[in-house]
Amino acid sequence: MKIIQMCRVEKLIMKYIFVIICAVVFHDDLGVNSQKFFPNLPVGDFRIEYKAFIRCQIKTNNDIRLNLYLSKKSANTTEIRGNVTIGKPIDDSWTANAIFAIKDSIGGWKDNAHIFKFEKACTTIKNFLGKEWKLALNSFGAENTNCPLLPGVYVGKGKYELTNFISNSNFPKIFFYGTYKVRFFLTDKNNIEHGCGSVVVEVKRPWETD
């Protein structure tokens, strides 16, 4: 299941693989300096800059509440703080959803740039997060780190840093560059939304600065 879910993400990247291969061949044949040529590619190795967490309220179902915010400790270190309220167990009967909007050249948001839908939400999220799963749950005071996630109010202790999120998780190690607003939420078997939040991030080339 984990492999199948990750393949959905990787398929989005495949259309650029040919471009990268051509770039490598072109680079080798002509002796072009890689630092001058490769910055123009739309996808590749990256680093994440976390900009904001946006709370969103679901009027019909308020049983999962994400009262979170980002705290910048330094130029390269960001923490997630706040609290999470879970009113009913989050198990594999739920579906996890993530919808990416990308900022265009004039500053507006282009919705539905990438759409992901993962069944067996709890297990899928646990596998996707990898080492970050326990780090996140422990930092919010959760004693149980297995599925399902139990009802309760979980308060962040200001210890959950996002510095190593990409390296610790199973997120693809190459991705499309740009500024994204990612809205994530859960749906039940009746396709009713529960819980909602959005995070704004910049996916940058490793050498890019502000």
Protein backbone atom coordinates (compact mmCIF):
# COMPACT_ATOMS: atom_id res chain seq x y z
CA MET A 1 0.00 0.00 0.00
CA LYS A 2 2.83 2.38 0.90
CA ILE A 3 4.51 1.79 -2.47
CA ILE A 4 1.25 2.31 -4.35
CA GLN A 5 0.53 5.59 -2.57
CA MET A 6 4.02 6.96 -3.21
CA CYS A 7 3.81 6.01 -6.88
CA ARG A 8 0.94 8.48 -7.26
CA VAL A 9 3.28 11.28 -6.29
CA GLU A 10 6.15 9.99 -8.38
CA LYS A 11 3.99 9.80 -11.52
CA LEU A 12 3.60 13.57 -11.39
CA ILE A 13 7.36 13.91 -11.61
CA MET A 14 7.88 11.44 -14.46
CA LYS A 15 6.97 13.91 -17.19
CA TYR A 16 10.03 15.95 -16.24
CA ILE A 17 12.45 13.02 -16.11
CA PHE A 18 12.97 13.19 -19.87
CA VAL A 19 13.85 16.87 -19.54
CA ILE A 20 16.42 16.08 -16.87
CA ILE A 21 17.96 13.26 -18.94
CA CYS A 22 18.23 15.55 -21.95
CA ALA A 23 19.77 18.21 -19.75
CA VAL A 24 22.43 15.80 -18.49
CA VAL A 25 23.28 14.65 -22.02
CA PHE A 26 23.39 18.23 -23.29
CA HIS A 27 25.54 19.23 -20.34
CA ASP A 28 28.04 16.38 -20.88
CA ASP A 29 28.29 16.91 -24.64
CA LEU A 30 28.88 20.64 -24.52
CA GLY A 31 30.73 20.88 -21.24
CA VAL A 32 28.26 23.38 -19.84
CA ASN A 33 28.78 24.37 -16.21
CA SER A 34 26.02 22.62 -14.25
CA GLN A 35 25.48 25.51 -11.87
CA LYS A 36 24.66 27.78 -14.81
CA PHE A 37 22.45 25.30 -16.64
CA PHE A 38 20.45 23.29 -14.13
CA PRO A 39 18.88 26.17 -12.16
CA ASN A 40 16.35 26.55 -14.99
CA LEU A 41 14.88 23.08 -14.53
CA PRO A 42 11.38 23.09 -12.97
CA VAL A 43 12.00 20.08 -10.70
CA GLY A 44 14.87 18.62 -8.70
CA ASP A 45 16.48 18.48 -5.27
CA PHE A 46 14.96 21.01 -2.94
CA ARG A 47 14.65 22.53 0.47
CA ILE A 48 11.45 23.69 2.16
CA GLU A 49 10.77 27.11 3.61
CA TYR A 50 7.67 27.11 5.81
CA LYS A 51 5.62 30.31 5.54
CA ALA A 52 2.34 29.90 7.42
CA PHE A 53 -0.25 27.55 8.86
CA ILE A 54 -3.83 28.56 8.11
CA ARG A 55 -6.68 27.28 10.26
CA CYS A 56 -9.93 26.48 8.51
CA GLN A 57 -13.22 25.72 10.17
CA ILE A 58 -15.56 23.01 8.96
CA LYS A 59 -19.07 24.08 9.96
CA THR A 60 -20.78 20.70 9.71
CA ASN A 61 -18.17 18.58 11.50
CA ASN A 62 -16.01 20.11 14.17
CA ASP A 63 -14.82 16.88 15.77
CA ILE A 64 -11.22 17.36 14.62
CA ARG A 65 -9.71 20.79 15.27
CA LEU A 66 -6.20 21.86 14.32
CA ASN A 67 -5.35 24.95 16.37
CA LEU A 68 -1.79 25.17 15.11
CA TYR A 69 0.68 27.86 14.13
CA LEU A 70 4.30 28.11 12.99
CA SER A 71 7.00 29.54 15.22
CA LYS A 72 10.29 30.64 13.66
CA LYS A 73 13.18 29.88 16.01
CA SER A 74 15.88 30.93 13.55
CA ALA A 75 16.36 31.50 9.84
CA ASN A 76 16.51 27.75 9.26
CA THR A 77 14.41 26.35 12.11
CA THR A 78 10.60 26.32 12.29
CA GLU A 79 8.42 24.69 14.95
CA ILE A 80 4.76 23.70 14.95
CA ARG A 81 2.97 24.82 18.11
CA GLY A 82 -0.60 24.87 19.37
CA ASN A 83 -3.01 22.02 20.02
CA VAL A 84 -5.04 19.36 18.24
CA THR A 85 -8.46 18.12 19.36
CA ILE A 86 -9.62 14.69 18.19
CA GLY A 87 -13.25 13.88 18.95
CA LYS A 88 -13.38 10.37 17.50
CA PRO A 89 -10.72 7.74 16.69
CA ILE A 90 -8.78 8.29 13.49
CA ASP A 91 -8.41 4.83 11.97
CA ASP A 92 -8.14 3.21 8.56
CA SER A 93 -11.81 3.78 7.76
CA TRP A 94 -10.88 7.41 7.02
CA THR A 95 -9.39 8.78 3.80
CA ALA A 96 -6.62 11.40 3.84
CA ASN A 97 -6.74 14.20 1.26
CA ALA A 98 -4.25 16.86 0.18
CA ILE A 99 -4.95 19.52 -2.44
CA PHE A 100 -2.07 21.69 -3.68
CA ALA A 101 -2.57 25.21 -5.03
CA ILE A 102 0.48 26.84 -6.63
CA LYS A 103 1.22 30.55 -6.75
CA ASP A 104 1.38 31.82 -10.32
CA SER A 105 3.62 34.48 -11.84
CA ILE A 106 1.25 37.34 -10.92
CA GLY A 107 0.77 36.26 -7.31
CA GLY A 108 -2.56 34.45 -7.56
CA TRP A 109 -3.28 30.86 -6.59
CA LYS A 110 -3.83 28.21 -9.24
CA ASP A 111 -6.02 25.62 -7.51
CA ASN A 112 -5.75 21.86 -7.87
CA ALA A 113 -2.17 21.83 -9.12
CA HIS A 114 -1.79 18.43 -7.44
CA ILE A 115 -4.51 16.36 -5.78
CA PHE A 116 -3.79 13.36 -3.57
CA LYS A 117 -6.28 10.99 -1.98
CA PHE A 118 -5.10 8.17 0.27
CA GLU A 119 -7.30 5.42 1.67
CA LYS A 120 -6.54 3.79 5.06
CA ALA A 121 -5.66 7.22 6.40
CA CYS A 122 -4.03 6.34 9.70
CA THR A 123 -1.68 3.65 8.38
CA THR A 124 -0.91 5.61 5.22
CA ILE A 125 -0.02 8.79 7.13
CA LYS A 126 2.09 6.78 9.57
CA ASN A 127 4.03 5.15 6.73
CA PHE A 128 4.36 8.43 4.86
CA LEU A 129 5.74 10.33 7.85
CA GLY A 130 8.29 7.66 8.74
CA LYS A 131 10.43 8.80 11.69
CA GLU A 132 8.43 12.03 11.90
CA TRP A 133 5.31 10.13 13.01
CA LYS A 134 6.57 9.39 16.52
CA LEU A 135 8.42 12.70 16.79
CA ALA A 136 5.23 14.62 16.03
CA LEU A 137 2.98 12.58 18.31
CA ASN A 138 5.43 12.58 21.21
CA SER A 139 5.94 16.34 20.95
CA PHE A 140 2.16 16.78 21.31
CA GLY A 141 2.02 14.53 24.36
CA ALA A 142 0.50 11.45 22.72
CA GLU A 143 1.35 8.27 24.61
CA ASN A 144 -0.12 6.02 21.93
CA THR A 145 1.80 6.11 18.64
CA ASN A 146 -0.08 3.27 16.96
CA CYS A 147 -3.24 3.34 14.87
CA PRO A 148 -5.92 4.36 15.56
CA LEU A 149 -5.20 7.82 16.95
CA LEU A 150 -7.29 8.10 20.09
CA PRO A 151 -9.68 10.94 21.02
CA GLY A 152 -8.23 13.67 23.20
CA VAL A 153 -6.68 17.13 23.31
CA TYR A 154 -3.01 17.10 22.34
CA VAL A 155 -0.94 20.15 23.24
CA GLY A 156 2.34 20.98 21.53
CA LYS A 157 5.32 21.44 23.83
CA GLY A 158 7.24 23.63 21.41
CA LYS A 159 9.57 20.76 20.57
CA TYR A 160 8.41 19.70 17.13
CA GLU A 161 10.83 21.14 14.61
CA LEU A 162 10.32 20.76 10.87
CA THR A 163 14.02 20.97 10.01
CA ASN A 164 14.40 17.29 9.08
CA PHE A 165 10.84 16.61 7.95
CA ILE A 166 11.72 15.79 4.34
CA SER A 167 14.75 13.61 5.12
CA ASN A 168 12.93 11.71 7.89
CA SER A 169 9.69 11.17 5.98
CA ASN A 170 8.91 9.33 2.75
CA PHE A 171 8.11 12.51 0.84
CA PRO A 172 9.71 12.40 -2.65
CA LYS A 173 13.25 13.73 -2.60
CA ILE A 174 12.70 15.67 -5.83
CA PHE A 175 9.70 17.90 -6.45
CA PHE A 176 8.40 20.83 -8.48
CA TYR A 177 9.73 24.24 -7.43
CA GLY A 178 7.31 26.97 -6.45
CA THR A 179 5.15 28.35 -3.65
CA TYR A 180 2.32 26.08 -2.56
CA LYS A 181 -0.73 26.30 -0.35
CA VAL A 182 -1.57 22.75 0.70
CA ARG A 183 -5.04 22.11 2.11
CA PHE A 184 -5.35 18.79 3.91
CA PHE A 185 -8.35 17.11 5.51
CA LEU A 186 -9.93 13.74 6.29
CA THR A 187 -13.09 12.25 4.85
CA ASP A 188 -15.24 9.46 6.26
CA LYS A 189 -16.91 6.59 4.40
CA ASN A 190 -19.72 8.97 3.40
CA ASN A 191 -17.17 11.42 1.93
CA ILE A 192 -17.91 14.00 4.63
CA GLU A 193 -14.99 16.24 5.60
CA HIS A 194 -13.53 16.16 9.11
CA GLY A 195 -10.65 18.36 10.22
CA CYS A 196 -8.97 20.86 7.95
CA GLY A 197 -5.81 22.91 7.75
CA SER A 198 -3.60 24.58 5.17
CA VAL A 199 0.13 25.17 5.13
CA VAL A 200 1.98 27.59 2.85
CA VAL A 201 5.47 26.50 1.81
CA GLU A 202 8.13 27.43 -0.70
CA VAL A 203 9.87 24.58 -2.48
CA LYS A 204 13.28 26.03 -3.33
CA ARG A 205 16.48 24.92 -4.99
CA PRO A 206 19.04 23.99 -2.32
CA TRP A 207 21.25 26.99 -3.09
CA GLU A 208 18.47 29.56 -3.34
CA THR A 209 18.28 32.29 -0.72
CA ASP A 210 15.57 34.80 0.13
